[in-house]
Structure formats: C-alpha cells, structure tokens
Amino acid sequence: MKTLIKYRMLHGGEGEALMPGAITNLSDAKNQLAHKKSLPTPQQGSGHDIDAILNEGGIDPNSLELIQLSE
C-alpha cells in the first residue's frame, strides 16, 4: 500500500508526493510531506506548527488530498 498526497502550491501550481504505507491521518500526512520536501519539522514544544512550516515551504496546508494506492 502507498499513499499519494496531492496538494496545491501557494503560487497556484499543484504537486504530489508518493509515500510508502497507508497514511490516513491528515496530521501525519502533513509531517511526512514536510519531511519529504526537506522542510524543517516542528520540534516538540516549539512555537512552529506544521501548517506554518508548509506555508513557509510554499504549500497550502488546507489543500492536501490523500489517495490510497494498492500495489
């Protein structure tokens, strides 16, 4: 099983990322997308949340769509 994460860029483009495993939690998807895009991930207790980090990376955090793919 793999998960395709589709998202919109803040400049209007679209992107997608293929992730291993089944991701069903939106919070997990945001963290894994940030990691895949080499964006800094939020540290426990820091003032940065994952939505702010995705925004800084040019990704609209409210646009994520998760599509489950079987192999």
PDB file of N, CA and C in Angstrom:
ATOM      1  N   MET A   1       0.846  -1.180   0.000  1.00  0.00           N
ATOM      2  CA  MET A   1       0.000   0.000   0.000  1.00  0.00           C
ATOM      3  C   MET A   1       0.886   1.236   0.000  1.00  0.00           C
ATOM      4  N   LYS A   2       0.488   2.215  -0.783  1.00  0.00           N
ATOM      5  CA  LYS A   2       1.158   3.509  -0.811  1.00  0.00           C
ATOM      6  C   LYS A   2       0.092   4.592  -0.737  1.00  0.00           C
ATOM      7  N   THR A   3       0.518   5.786  -0.406  1.00  0.00           N
ATOM      8  CA  THR A   3      -0.396   6.920  -0.328  1.00  0.00           C
ATOM      9  C   THR A   3       0.121   8.025  -1.236  1.00  0.00           C
ATOM     10  N   LEU A   4      -0.747   8.518  -2.099  1.00  0.00           N
ATOM     11  CA  LEU A   4      -0.428   9.663  -2.938  1.00  0.00           C
ATOM     12  C   LEU A   4      -1.001  10.902  -2.254  1.00  0.00           C
ATOM     13  N   ILE A   5      -0.133  11.859  -1.970  1.00  0.00           N
ATOM     14  CA  ILE A   5      -0.563  13.124  -1.360  1.00  0.00           C
ATOM     15  C   ILE A   5      -0.561  14.175  -2.463  1.00  0.00           C
ATOM     16  N   LYS A   6      -1.733  14.693  -2.781  1.00  0.00           N
ATOM     17  CA  LYS A   6      -1.858  15.786  -3.745  1.00  0.00           C
ATOM     18  C   LYS A   6      -2.048  17.077  -2.969  1.00  0.00           C
ATOM     19  N   TYR A   7      -1.465  18.163  -3.482  1.00  0.00           N
ATOM     20  CA  TYR A   7      -1.565  19.448  -2.786  1.00  0.00           C
ATOM     21  C   TYR A   7      -1.447  20.590  -3.786  1.00  0.00           C
ATOM     22  N   ARG A   8      -1.873  21.775  -3.348  1.00  0.00           N
ATOM     23  CA  ARG A   8      -1.737  22.999  -4.140  1.00  0.00           C
ATOM     24  C   ARG A   8      -0.605  23.845  -3.569  1.00  0.00           C
ATOM     25  N   MET A   9       0.132  24.453  -4.465  1.00  0.00           N
ATOM     26  CA  MET A   9       1.183  25.384  -4.071  1.00  0.00           C
ATOM     27  C   MET A   9       0.548  26.760  -3.881  1.00  0.00           C
ATOM     28  N   LEU A  10       1.139  27.575  -3.044  1.00  0.00           N
ATOM     29  CA  LEU A  10       0.617  28.903  -2.784  1.00  0.00           C
ATOM     30  C   LEU A  10       0.663  29.791  -4.023  1.00  0.00           C
ATOM     31  N   HIS A  11       1.591  29.521  -4.940  1.00  0.00           N
ATOM     32  CA  HIS A  11       1.693  30.313  -6.164  1.00  0.00           C
ATOM     33  C   HIS A  11       0.715  29.847  -7.234  1.00  0.00           C
ATOM     34  N   GLY A  12      -0.086  28.813  -6.928  1.00  0.00           N
ATOM     35  CA  GLY A  12      -1.120  28.366  -7.849  1.00  0.00           C
ATOM     36  C   GLY A  12      -0.865  27.042  -8.528  1.00  0.00           C
ATOM     37  N   GLY A  13       0.339  26.523  -8.467  1.00  0.00           N
ATOM     38  CA  GLY A  13       0.635  25.236  -9.075  1.00  0.00           C
ATOM     39  C   GLY A  13       0.123  24.091  -8.212  1.00  0.00           C
ATOM     40  N   GLU A  14       0.314  22.889  -8.715  1.00  0.00           N
ATOM     41  CA  GLU A  14      -0.077  21.693  -7.965  1.00  0.00           C
ATOM     42  C   GLU A  14       1.123  20.774  -7.824  1.00  0.00           C
ATOM     43  N   GLY A  15       1.078  19.929  -6.828  1.00  0.00           N
ATOM     44  CA  GLY A  15       2.143  18.977  -6.617  1.00  0.00           C
ATOM     45  C   GLY A  15       1.597  17.687  -6.055  1.00  0.00           C
ATOM     46  N   GLU A  16       2.443  16.676  -6.068  1.00  0.00           N
ATOM     47  CA  GLU A  16       2.062  15.402  -5.461  1.00  0.00           C
ATOM     48  C   GLU A  16       3.312  14.696  -4.973  1.00  0.00           C
ATOM     49  N   ALA A  17       3.105  13.856  -3.986  1.00  0.00           N
ATOM     50  CA  ALA A  17       4.203  13.088  -3.397  1.00  0.00           C
ATOM     51  C   ALA A  17       3.689  11.682  -3.112  1.00  0.00           C
ATOM     52  N   LEU A  18       4.442  10.684  -3.546  1.00  0.00           N
ATOM     53  CA  LEU A  18       4.087   9.294  -3.303  1.00  0.00           C
ATOM     54  C   LEU A  18       4.821   8.825  -2.053  1.00  0.00           C
ATOM     55  N   MET A  19       4.059   8.364  -1.071  1.00  0.00           N
ATOM     56  CA  MET A  19       4.625   7.970   0.203  1.00  0.00           C
ATOM     57  C   MET A  19       4.409   6.467   0.424  1.00  0.00           C
ATOM     58  N   PRO A  20       5.372   5.789   1.040  1.00  0.00           N
ATOM     59  CA  PRO A  20       5.183   4.378   1.349  1.00  0.00           C
ATOM     60  C   PRO A  20       4.184   4.200   2.490  1.00  0.00           C
ATOM     61  N   GLY A  21       3.421   3.150   2.444  1.00  0.00           N
ATOM     62  CA  GLY A  21       2.484   2.844   3.523  1.00  0.00           C
ATOM     63  C   GLY A  21       1.173   3.582   3.386  1.00  0.00           C
ATOM     64  N   ALA A  22       0.232   3.182   4.230  1.00  0.00           N
ATOM     65  CA  ALA A  22      -1.089   3.809   4.234  1.00  0.00           C
ATOM     66  C   ALA A  22      -1.092   4.954   5.241  1.00  0.00           C
ATOM     67  N   ILE A  23      -1.317   6.162   4.761  1.00  0.00           N
ATOM     68  CA  ILE A  23      -1.413   7.337   5.638  1.00  0.00           C
ATOM     69  C   ILE A  23      -2.873   7.761   5.631  1.00  0.00           C
ATOM     70  N   THR A  24      -3.509   7.696   6.776  1.00  0.00           N
ATOM     71  CA  THR A  24      -4.930   8.061   6.846  1.00  0.00           C
ATOM     72  C   THR A  24      -5.161   9.299   7.700  1.00  0.00           C
ATOM     73  N   ASN A  25      -4.166   9.676   8.472  1.00  0.00           N
ATOM     74  CA  ASN A  25      -4.269  10.819   9.369  1.00  0.00           C
ATOM     75  C   ASN A  25      -3.684  12.045   8.676  1.00  0.00           C
ATOM     76  N   LEU A  26      -4.455  13.120   8.574  1.00  0.00           N
ATOM     77  CA  LEU A  26      -4.006  14.329   7.892  1.00  0.00           C
ATOM     78  C   LEU A  26      -2.769  14.938   8.558  1.00  0.00           C
ATOM     79  N   SER A  27      -2.708  14.892   9.862  1.00  0.00           N
ATOM     80  CA  SER A  27      -1.555  15.416  10.585  1.00  0.00           C
ATOM     81  C   SER A  27      -0.285  14.645  10.214  1.00  0.00           C
ATOM     82  N   ASP A  28      -0.384  13.321  10.147  1.00  0.00           N
ATOM     83  CA  ASP A  28       0.760  12.505   9.742  1.00  0.00           C
ATOM     84  C   ASP A  28       1.164  12.822   8.305  1.00  0.00           C
ATOM     85  N   ALA A  29       0.179  13.012   7.446  1.00  0.00           N
ATOM     86  CA  ALA A  29       0.457  13.325   6.042  1.00  0.00           C
ATOM     87  C   ALA A  29       1.212  14.645   5.926  1.00  0.00           C
ATOM     88  N   LYS A  30       0.814  15.639   6.679  1.00  0.00           N
ATOM     89  CA  LYS A  30       1.486  16.946   6.649  1.00  0.00           C
ATOM     90  C   LYS A  30       2.929  16.813   7.107  1.00  0.00           C
ATOM     91  N   ASN A  31       3.164  16.072   8.191  1.00  0.00           N
ATOM     92  CA  ASN A  31       4.526  15.885   8.698  1.00  0.00           C
ATOM     93  C   ASN A  31       5.391  15.119   7.703  1.00  0.00           C
ATOM     94  N   GLN A  32       4.839  14.072   7.097  1.00  0.00           N
ATOM     95  CA  GLN A  32       5.617  13.290   6.143  1.00  0.00           C
ATOM     96  C   GLN A  32       5.904  14.081   4.875  1.00  0.00           C
ATOM     97  N   LEU A  33       4.942  14.903   4.448  1.00  0.00           N
ATOM     98  CA  LEU A  33       5.167  15.747   3.276  1.00  0.00           C
ATOM     99  C   LEU A  33       6.272  16.761   3.558  1.00  0.00           C
ATOM    100  N   ALA A  34       6.247  17.378   4.733  1.00  0.00           N
ATOM    101  CA  ALA A  34       7.302  18.323   5.110  1.00  0.00           C
ATOM    102  C   ALA A  34       8.666  17.639   5.112  1.00  0.00           C
ATOM    103  N   HIS A  35       8.711  16.427   5.620  1.00  0.00           N
ATOM    104  CA  HIS A  35       9.964  15.673   5.653  1.00  0.00           C
ATOM    105  C   HIS A  35      10.434  15.359   4.232  1.00  0.00           C
ATOM    106  N   LYS A  36       9.521  14.902   3.381  1.00  0.00           N
ATOM    107  CA  LYS A  36       9.879  14.547   2.001  1.00  0.00           C
ATOM    108  C   LYS A  36      10.382  15.768   1.230  1.00  0.00           C
ATOM    109  N   LYS A  37       9.824  16.931   1.518  1.00  0.00           N
ATOM    110  CA  LYS A  37      10.221  18.167   0.836  1.00  0.00           C
ATOM    111  C   LYS A  37      11.403  18.849   1.526  1.00  0.00           C
ATOM    112  N   SER A  38      11.986  18.179   2.519  1.00  0.00           N
ATOM    113  CA  SER A  38      13.135  18.690   3.280  1.00  0.00           C
ATOM    114  C   SER A  38      12.839  20.018   3.976  1.00  0.00           C
ATOM    115  N   LEU A  39      11.588  20.192   4.386  1.00  0.00           N
ATOM    116  CA  LEU A  39      11.223  21.354   5.187  1.00  0.00           C
ATOM    117  C   LEU A  39      11.503  21.014   6.647  1.00  0.00           C
ATOM    118  N   PRO A  40      11.794  22.010   7.472  1.00  0.00           N
ATOM    119  CA  PRO A  40      12.019  21.693   8.886  1.00  0.00           C
ATOM    120  C   PRO A  40      10.736  21.171   9.517  1.00  0.00           C
ATOM    121  N   THR A  41      10.854  20.143  10.326  1.00  0.00           N
ATOM    122  CA  THR A  41       9.677  19.622  11.013  1.00  0.00           C
ATOM    123  C   THR A  41       9.582  20.280  12.385  1.00  0.00           C
ATOM    124  N   PRO A  42       8.371  20.479  12.875  1.00  0.00           N
ATOM    125  CA  PRO A  42       8.229  21.169  14.163  1.00  0.00           C
ATOM    126  C   PRO A  42       8.836  20.352  15.309  1.00  0.00           C
ATOM    127  N   GLN A  43       9.526  21.021  16.199  1.00  0.00           N
ATOM    128  CA  GLN A  43      10.090  20.372  17.377  1.00  0.00           C
ATOM    129  C   GLN A  43       9.068  20.420  18.503  1.00  0.00           C
ATOM    130  N   GLN A  44       9.080  19.409  19.317  1.00  0.00           N
ATOM    131  CA  GLN A  44       8.172  19.357  20.458  1.00  0.00           C
ATOM    132  C   GLN A  44       8.347  20.610  21.307  1.00  0.00           C
ATOM    133  N   GLY A  45       7.258  21.315  21.574  1.00  0.00           N
ATOM    134  CA  GLY A  45       7.304  22.495  22.413  1.00  0.00           C
ATOM    135  C   GLY A  45       7.710  23.771  21.692  1.00  0.00           C
ATOM    136  N   SER A  46       7.996  23.670  20.377  1.00  0.00           N
ATOM    137  CA  SER A  46       8.383  24.887  19.652  1.00  0.00           C
ATOM    138  C   SER A  46       7.131  25.669  19.267  1.00  0.00           C
ATOM    139  N   GLY A  47       7.318  26.911  18.895  1.00  0.00           N
ATOM    140  CA  GLY A  47       6.198  27.756  18.500  1.00  0.00           C
ATOM    141  C   GLY A  47       5.755  27.535  17.065  1.00  0.00           C
ATOM    142  N   HIS A  48       6.473  26.689  16.325  1.00  0.00           N
ATOM    143  CA  HIS A  48       6.135  26.448  14.925  1.00  0.00           C
ATOM    144  C   HIS A  48       5.201  25.250  14.808  1.00  0.00           C
ATOM    145  N   ASP A  49       4.109  25.434  14.082  1.00  0.00           N
ATOM    146  CA  ASP A  49       3.254  24.282  13.822  1.00  0.00           C
ATOM    147  C   ASP A  49       3.434  23.846  12.369  1.00  0.00           C
ATOM    148  N   ILE A  50       2.948  22.663  12.059  1.00  0.00           N
ATOM    149  CA  ILE A  50       3.191  22.083  10.741  1.00  0.00           C
ATOM    150  C   ILE A  50       2.534  22.903   9.639  1.00  0.00           C
ATOM    151  N   ASP A  51       1.376  23.508   9.890  1.00  0.00           N
ATOM    152  CA  ASP A  51       0.732  24.335   8.862  1.00  0.00           C
ATOM    153  C   ASP A  51       1.607  25.537   8.512  1.00  0.00           C
ATOM    154  N   ALA A  52       2.212  26.164   9.509  1.00  0.00           N
ATOM    155  CA  ALA A  52       3.094  27.306   9.259  1.00  0.00           C
ATOM    156  C   ALA A  52       4.325  26.873   8.466  1.00  0.00           C
ATOM    157  N   ILE A  53       4.848  25.708   8.781  1.00  0.00           N
ATOM    158  CA  ILE A  53       6.032  25.205   8.075  1.00  0.00           C
ATOM    159  C   ILE A  53       5.700  24.918   6.618  1.00  0.00           C
ATOM    160  N   LEU A  54       4.540  24.291   6.355  1.00  0.00           N
ATOM    161  CA  LEU A  54       4.135  24.039   4.970  1.00  0.00           C
ATOM    162  C   LEU A  54       3.924  25.354   4.232  1.00  0.00           C
ATOM    163  N   ASN A  55       3.302  26.326   4.887  1.00  0.00           N
ATOM    164  CA  ASN A  55       3.117  27.653   4.279  1.00  0.00           C
ATOM    165  C   ASN A  55       4.455  28.267   3.895  1.00  0.00           C
ATOM    166  N   GLU A  56       5.420  28.207   4.796  1.00  0.00           N
ATOM    167  CA  GLU A  56       6.747  28.756   4.512  1.00  0.00           C
ATOM    168  C   GLU A  56       7.408  28.023   3.350  1.00  0.00           C
ATOM    169  N   GLY A  57       7.069  26.750   3.169  1.00  0.00           N
ATOM    170  CA  GLY A  57       7.599  25.967   2.057  1.00  0.00           C
ATOM    171  C   GLY A  57       6.810  26.132   0.770  1.00  0.00           C
ATOM    172  N   GLY A  58       5.784  27.003   0.786  1.00  0.00           N
ATOM    173  CA  GLY A  58       5.016  27.278  -0.422  1.00  0.00           C
ATOM    174  C   GLY A  58       3.863  26.330  -0.672  1.00  0.00           C
ATOM    175  N   ILE A  59       3.485  25.530   0.334  1.00  0.00           N
ATOM    176  CA  ILE A  59       2.409  24.546   0.192  1.00  0.00           C
ATOM    177  C   ILE A  59       1.190  25.001   0.985  1.00  0.00           C
ATOM    178  N   ASP A  60       0.019  24.957   0.361  1.00  0.00           N
ATOM    179  CA  ASP A  60      -1.227  25.286   1.050  1.00  0.00           C
ATOM    180  C   ASP A  60      -1.597  24.105   1.943  1.00  0.00           C
ATOM    181  N   PRO A  61      -1.483  24.243   3.276  1.00  0.00           N
ATOM    182  CA  PRO A  61      -1.724  23.108   4.170  1.00  0.00           C
ATOM    183  C   PRO A  61      -3.178  22.640   4.195  1.00  0.00           C
ATOM    184  N   ASN A  62      -4.101  23.463   3.714  1.00  0.00           N
ATOM    185  CA  ASN A  62      -5.511  23.075   3.693  1.00  0.00           C
ATOM    186  C   ASN A  62      -5.915  22.373   2.411  1.00  0.00           C
ATOM    187  N   SER A  63      -4.958  22.150   1.513  1.00  0.00           N
ATOM    188  CA  SER A  63      -5.294  21.583   0.209  1.00  0.00           C
ATOM    189  C   SER A  63      -4.944  20.105   0.070  1.00  0.00           C
ATOM    190  N   LEU A  64      -4.364  19.507   1.111  1.00  0.00           N
ATOM    191  CA  LEU A  64      -3.913  18.129   0.984  1.00  0.00           C
ATOM    192  C   LEU A  64      -5.065  17.160   0.735  1.00  0.00           C
ATOM    193  N   GLU A  65      -4.832  16.262  -0.217  1.00  0.00           N
ATOM    194  CA  GLU A  65      -5.782  15.198  -0.532  1.00  0.00           C
ATOM    195  C   GLU A  65      -5.007  13.885  -0.486  1.00  0.00           C
ATOM    196  N   LEU A  66      -5.512  12.923   0.262  1.00  0.00           N
ATOM    197  CA  LEU A  66      -4.841  11.635   0.418  1.00  0.00           C
ATOM    198  C   LEU A  66      -5.545  10.593  -0.433  1.00  0.00           C
ATOM    199  N   ILE A  67      -4.763   9.890  -1.261  1.00  0.00           N
ATOM    200  CA  ILE A  67      -5.308   8.848  -2.129  1.00  0.00           C
ATOM    201  C   ILE A  67      -4.543   7.564  -1.838  1.00  0.00           C
ATOM    202  N   GLN A  68      -5.265   6.534  -1.405  1.00  0.00           N
ATOM    203  CA  GLN A  68      -4.649   5.246  -1.091  1.00  0.00           C
ATOM    204  C   GLN A  68      -4.486   4.434  -2.379  1.00  0.00           C
ATOM    205  N   LEU A  69      -3.296   3.902  -2.600  1.00  0.00           N
ATOM    206  CA  LEU A  69      -2.990   3.103  -3.779  1.00  0.00           C
ATOM    207  C   LEU A  69      -2.545   1.714  -3.335  1.00  0.00           C
ATOM    208  N   SER A  70      -3.105   0.691  -3.939  1.00  0.00           N
ATOM    209  CA  SER A  70      -2.632  -0.658  -3.631  1.00  0.00           C
ATOM    210  C   SER A  70      -1.617  -1.064  -4.696  1.00  0.00           C
ATOM    211  N   GLU A  71      -0.659  -1.854  -4.271  1.00  0.00           N
ATOM    212  CA  GLU A  71       0.424  -2.244  -5.188  1.00  0.00           C
ATOM    213  C   GLU A  71       0.068  -3.494  -5.929  1.00  0.00           C
TER     214      GLU A  71
END
